Amino acid sequence: MKSFKEDLMEAVSLVSNIEHQLKINVLNGNEKTILYSILLKEKETQECIISDVIKISNLSRSTVFKTLKKLEDLGYILTHQSSSDKRELVISVNV
């Protein structure tokens, strides 16, 4: 029977390999946190807005905005205006 530590090491190795394959292993901690936050929200509701990212990531609004801009410039995410609320941007992962 595997120990918790062995299971955890296996999971970390799996995530690391996936990050390498998707070429997100070059992102820093905040960038990965925001990318994962978007993915979690997309899985839950199919649509993610900036306030969702702030809530899920527990990062400051300014950090989220700055990091989203960088991720968009790098091509990791896409944004478009919400059809239901023109003030909101919908964010999706582009990996």
Protein backbone atom coordinates (compact mmCIF):
# COMPACT_ATOMS: atom_id res chain seq x y z
CA MET A 1 0.00 0.00 0.00
CA LYS A 2 1.38 3.38 -1.03
CA SER A 3 1.90 6.08 1.54
CA PHE A 4 0.34 9.52 1.22
CA LYS A 5 3.79 10.94 0.47
CA GLU A 6 4.31 8.50 -2.41
CA ASP A 7 0.87 9.35 -3.83
CA LEU A 8 1.64 13.05 -3.51
CA MET A 9 5.03 12.69 -5.22
CA GLU A 10 3.35 10.78 -8.06
CA ALA A 11 0.70 13.50 -8.45
CA VAL A 12 3.32 16.27 -8.46
CA SER A 13 5.33 14.40 -11.08
CA LEU A 14 2.22 13.97 -13.24
CA VAL A 15 1.34 17.69 -12.99
CA SER A 16 4.93 18.64 -13.78
CA ASN A 17 4.93 16.46 -16.90
CA ILE A 18 1.61 17.91 -18.06
CA GLU A 19 2.86 21.48 -17.48
CA HIS A 20 5.96 20.67 -19.53
CA GLN A 21 3.90 19.19 -22.39
CA LEU A 22 1.57 22.20 -22.44
CA LYS A 23 4.55 24.57 -22.21
CA ILE A 24 3.21 26.25 -19.07
CA ASN A 25 6.19 25.14 -16.99
CA VAL A 26 7.85 28.50 -17.80
CA LEU A 27 5.13 30.47 -15.98
CA ASN A 28 5.74 31.88 -12.50
CA GLY A 29 3.61 31.02 -9.46
CA ASN A 30 1.05 33.80 -9.85
CA GLU A 31 0.65 33.07 -13.56
CA LYS A 32 0.01 29.38 -12.88
CA THR A 33 -2.38 30.22 -10.03
CA ILE A 34 -4.42 32.46 -12.29
CA LEU A 35 -4.38 29.97 -15.17
CA TYR A 36 -5.54 27.18 -12.85
CA SER A 37 -8.21 29.46 -11.34
CA ILE A 38 -9.62 30.12 -14.81
CA LEU A 39 -9.61 26.39 -15.59
CA LEU A 40 -11.41 25.57 -12.33
CA LYS A 41 -14.11 28.15 -13.03
CA GLU A 42 -14.48 27.04 -16.67
CA LYS A 43 -14.96 23.45 -15.51
CA GLU A 44 -17.61 24.56 -13.03
CA THR A 45 -19.64 26.99 -15.15
CA GLN A 46 -18.11 27.22 -18.64
CA GLU A 47 -17.66 30.99 -18.23
CA CYS A 48 -15.07 32.86 -16.19
CA ILE A 49 -14.91 36.60 -15.50
CA ILE A 50 -12.23 38.66 -13.77
CA SER A 51 -14.04 38.77 -10.43
CA ASP A 52 -14.11 34.94 -10.46
CA VAL A 53 -10.34 34.84 -10.92
CA ILE A 54 -9.80 37.28 -8.06
CA LYS A 55 -12.03 35.24 -5.75
CA ILE A 56 -10.61 31.81 -6.63
CA SER A 57 -6.94 32.83 -6.74
CA ASN A 58 -6.99 34.97 -3.56
CA LEU A 59 -4.66 37.41 -5.32
CA SER A 60 -5.06 41.19 -5.36
CA ARG A 61 -7.08 42.83 -8.11
CA SER A 62 -4.01 44.64 -9.46
CA THR A 63 -1.97 41.40 -9.56
CA VAL A 64 -4.78 39.60 -11.38
CA PHE A 65 -5.20 42.38 -13.97
CA LYS A 66 -1.46 42.64 -14.60
CA THR A 67 -1.05 38.87 -14.86
CA LEU A 68 -4.08 38.42 -17.11
CA LYS A 69 -2.63 40.99 -19.50
CA LYS A 70 0.68 39.11 -19.57
CA LEU A 71 -1.02 35.74 -20.09
CA GLU A 72 -3.09 37.21 -22.92
CA ASP A 73 0.02 38.71 -24.55
CA LEU A 74 1.73 35.30 -24.32
CA GLY A 75 -1.32 33.60 -25.88
CA TYR A 76 -2.26 31.46 -22.87
CA ILE A 77 -5.71 33.05 -22.48
CA LEU A 78 -8.32 34.73 -24.63
CA THR A 79 -10.75 37.44 -23.55
CA HIS A 80 -13.96 38.73 -25.05
CA GLN A 81 -16.77 40.97 -23.92
CA SER A 82 -19.62 39.25 -22.09
CA SER A 83 -22.85 39.07 -24.05
CA SER A 84 -24.92 39.43 -20.87
CA ASP A 85 -22.95 42.28 -19.24
CA LYS A 86 -20.97 44.53 -21.56
CA ARG A 87 -18.82 45.74 -18.62
CA GLU A 88 -17.37 42.26 -18.05
CA LEU A 89 -14.67 40.36 -19.89
CA VAL A 90 -15.02 36.62 -20.27
CA ILE A 91 -11.70 34.81 -19.95
CA SER A 92 -10.86 31.39 -21.38
CA VAL A 93 -7.71 29.30 -21.42
CA ASN A 94 -6.13 28.92 -24.86
CA VAL A 95 -3.88 25.89 -24.32
